[in-house]
Amino acid sequence: MPQPKKKTAAKTKRPAKKAAKKATKTAARAPKKAATPTAPARPSLQKVVVDALEDMKALEIKVLDVRGLTDIADTMVIASGTSDRHVRSVAQRVVEKTKQAGFRPHGVEGQQDSDWVLIDLNEMIVHVMLPRVREFYGLEKLWDMTATKRAAARA
């Protein structure tokens, strides 16, 4: 009876070489993974608020950096409305737009009377006021750092 041929070392290595070569070819043919798309950048809170105010035709929009003056907020935005109804609707639009952008208001005060509506957005406080109320309280003079620096420089 004929004896089966013994496998030599050279013959056993060939299938391993073929398998390695085949794996390399398969990897080369495989479609490359596309880079995962990044989520669109979330707009800044300040941009969302100012855009909402401009969209509702708020008057005299002023953005104040109050980081060195208080711990309650980093920024204050002050704007005026033409009537109590306008002030209320401007404030509502700011709340809507900030919620849509992913920012949750901490609280809203003054919507009943609508002379002055305050919106607390954690790092930003938005004041929407009637012009007479804005003039009476003078928040710009109170919180504006550049005006404080100018007054100190004069003294």
Protein backbone atom coordinates (compact mmCIF):
# COMPACT_ATOMS: atom_id res chain seq x y z
CA MET A 1 0.00 0.00 0.00
CA PRO A 2 1.29 3.42 -0.86
CA GLN A 3 2.08 5.56 2.06
CA PRO A 4 0.71 9.11 2.19
CA LYS A 5 3.23 11.80 1.56
CA LYS A 6 4.59 13.51 4.60
CA LYS A 7 4.07 17.21 4.77
CA THR A 8 7.23 19.16 4.84
CA ALA A 9 7.79 22.46 6.54
CA ALA A 10 7.72 24.32 3.22
CA LYS A 11 4.29 22.97 2.33
CA THR A 12 2.73 23.91 5.68
CA LYS A 13 3.95 27.50 5.41
CA ARG A 14 2.38 28.10 2.03
CA PRO A 15 -1.22 28.11 3.20
CA ALA A 16 -0.31 30.55 5.99
CA LYS A 17 1.36 32.84 3.47
CA LYS A 18 -1.67 32.63 1.21
CA ALA A 19 -4.01 33.40 4.08
CA ALA A 20 -1.94 36.41 5.11
CA LYS A 21 -1.80 37.64 1.52
CA LYS A 22 -5.56 37.17 1.13
CA ALA A 23 -6.25 39.06 4.37
CA THR A 24 -4.10 41.95 3.15
CA LYS A 25 -5.97 42.08 -0.16
CA THR A 26 -9.34 41.94 1.59
CA ALA A 27 -8.35 44.78 3.90
CA ALA A 28 -7.21 46.85 0.93
CA ARG A 29 -10.53 46.28 -0.86
CA ALA A 30 -12.68 47.01 2.17
CA PRO A 31 -14.26 50.43 2.03
CA LYS A 32 -12.55 52.89 4.29
CA LYS A 33 -14.61 54.16 7.17
CA ALA A 34 -15.78 57.68 6.65
CA ALA A 35 -14.98 60.11 9.38
CA THR A 36 -17.89 60.36 11.76
CA PRO A 37 -19.70 63.60 11.14
CA THR A 38 -19.42 66.00 14.03
CA ALA A 39 -22.50 67.64 15.43
CA PRO A 40 -22.95 71.20 14.27
CA ALA A 41 -21.48 73.68 16.68
CA ARG A 42 -24.02 75.06 19.10
CA PRO A 43 -24.31 78.85 18.75
CA SER A 44 -23.24 80.91 21.71
CA LEU A 45 -25.87 82.00 24.18
CA GLN A 46 -25.08 85.65 23.51
CA LYS A 47 -25.63 85.22 19.76
CA VAL A 48 -28.95 83.43 20.31
CA VAL A 49 -30.20 86.14 22.68
CA VAL A 50 -29.08 89.08 20.55
CA ASP A 51 -30.52 87.49 17.39
CA ALA A 52 -33.87 86.95 19.16
CA LEU A 53 -33.89 90.57 20.35
CA GLU A 54 -33.05 91.88 16.90
CA ASP A 55 -35.64 89.60 15.34
CA MET A 56 -38.33 91.14 17.55
CA LYS A 57 -37.11 94.69 16.86
CA ALA A 58 -36.01 95.42 20.41
CA LEU A 59 -34.51 98.88 20.84
CA GLU A 60 -31.07 99.89 22.13
CA ILE A 61 -29.64 96.42 22.71
CA LYS A 62 -26.62 96.63 24.98
CA VAL A 63 -24.37 93.71 26.02
CA LEU A 64 -22.36 94.24 29.21
CA ASP A 65 -19.52 92.05 30.47
CA VAL A 66 -19.96 91.92 34.25
CA ARG A 67 -17.51 89.14 35.12
CA GLY A 68 -15.35 91.29 37.39
CA LEU A 69 -18.30 93.00 39.06
CA THR A 70 -20.60 90.21 40.23
CA ASP A 71 -20.85 86.45 40.67
CA ILE A 72 -24.48 86.17 39.58
CA ALA A 73 -23.72 86.28 35.84
CA ASP A 74 -20.97 86.77 33.30
CA THR A 75 -23.00 88.90 30.90
CA MET A 76 -25.99 91.22 31.07
CA VAL A 77 -28.06 92.16 28.08
CA ILE A 78 -30.33 95.18 28.30
CA ALA A 79 -32.93 96.02 25.65
CA SER A 80 -36.04 98.15 25.39
CA GLY A 81 -39.49 97.55 23.98
CA THR A 82 -41.95 100.10 22.66
CA SER A 83 -44.92 99.01 24.84
CA ASP A 84 -45.71 96.56 27.61
CA ARG A 85 -47.06 94.12 25.02
CA HIS A 86 -43.86 94.46 22.98
CA VAL A 87 -41.69 93.91 26.07
CA ARG A 88 -43.65 90.75 26.93
CA SER A 89 -43.43 89.33 23.39
CA VAL A 90 -39.71 90.14 23.11
CA ALA A 91 -39.06 88.31 26.38
CA GLN A 92 -41.13 85.33 25.25
CA ARG A 93 -39.17 85.13 22.00
CA VAL A 94 -35.87 85.19 23.88
CA VAL A 95 -37.07 82.29 26.06
CA GLU A 96 -38.30 80.33 23.01
CA LYS A 97 -35.09 80.80 21.02
CA THR A 98 -32.82 79.93 23.93
CA LYS A 99 -34.80 76.75 24.60
CA GLN A 100 -34.56 75.80 20.91
CA ALA A 101 -30.79 76.33 21.04
CA GLY A 102 -30.48 74.04 24.07
CA PHE A 103 -30.15 76.64 26.82
CA ARG A 104 -32.67 76.37 29.64
CA PRO A 105 -33.77 79.57 31.38
CA HIS A 106 -33.45 79.41 35.14
CA GLY A 107 -36.33 81.81 35.64
CA VAL A 108 -38.41 84.62 34.16
CA GLU A 109 -39.74 87.49 36.26
CA GLY A 110 -42.03 90.42 35.49
CA GLN A 111 -44.19 89.04 32.70
CA GLN A 112 -47.39 90.06 34.51
CA ASP A 113 -46.75 93.81 34.42
CA SER A 114 -44.31 93.78 31.50
CA ASP A 115 -42.66 97.07 32.41
CA TRP A 116 -39.46 95.14 33.05
CA VAL A 117 -38.98 91.46 32.28
CA LEU A 118 -35.89 89.73 33.62
CA ILE A 119 -34.72 86.42 32.13
CA ASP A 120 -32.13 84.44 34.10
CA LEU A 121 -30.12 82.23 31.74
CA ASN A 122 -27.57 81.17 34.40
CA GLU A 123 -24.44 82.79 32.93
CA MET A 124 -26.44 85.63 31.35
CA ILE A 125 -29.21 87.88 32.58
CA VAL A 126 -31.46 89.57 30.04
CA HIS A 127 -33.42 92.70 30.93
CA VAL A 128 -36.20 93.81 28.57
CA MET A 129 -37.66 97.12 29.72
CA LEU A 130 -39.82 100.02 28.74
CA PRO A 131 -37.67 103.08 27.92
CA ARG A 132 -38.96 105.07 30.94
CA VAL A 133 -38.14 102.19 33.31
CA ARG A 134 -34.73 101.73 31.72
CA GLU A 135 -33.93 105.41 32.13
CA PHE A 136 -35.16 105.47 35.73
CA TYR A 137 -33.05 102.51 36.92
CA GLY A 138 -29.98 103.27 34.79
CA LEU A 139 -28.61 99.70 34.70
CA GLU A 140 -26.04 100.61 32.07
CA LYS A 141 -24.44 103.13 34.40
CA LEU A 142 -24.55 100.66 37.26
CA TRP A 143 -23.04 97.67 35.46
CA ASP A 144 -21.01 99.09 32.57
CA MET A 145 -17.34 98.38 33.34
CA THR A 146 -15.99 100.77 30.71
CA ALA A 147 -17.97 103.67 32.19
CA THR A 148 -16.63 102.77 35.65
CA LYS A 149 -13.06 102.74 34.33
CA ARG A 150 -13.55 106.13 32.62
CA ALA A 151 -14.93 107.66 35.81
CA ALA A 152 -11.98 106.29 37.80
CA ALA A 153 -9.54 107.68 35.22
CA ARG A 154 -11.05 111.18 35.53
CA ALA A 155 -10.70 111.22 39.31
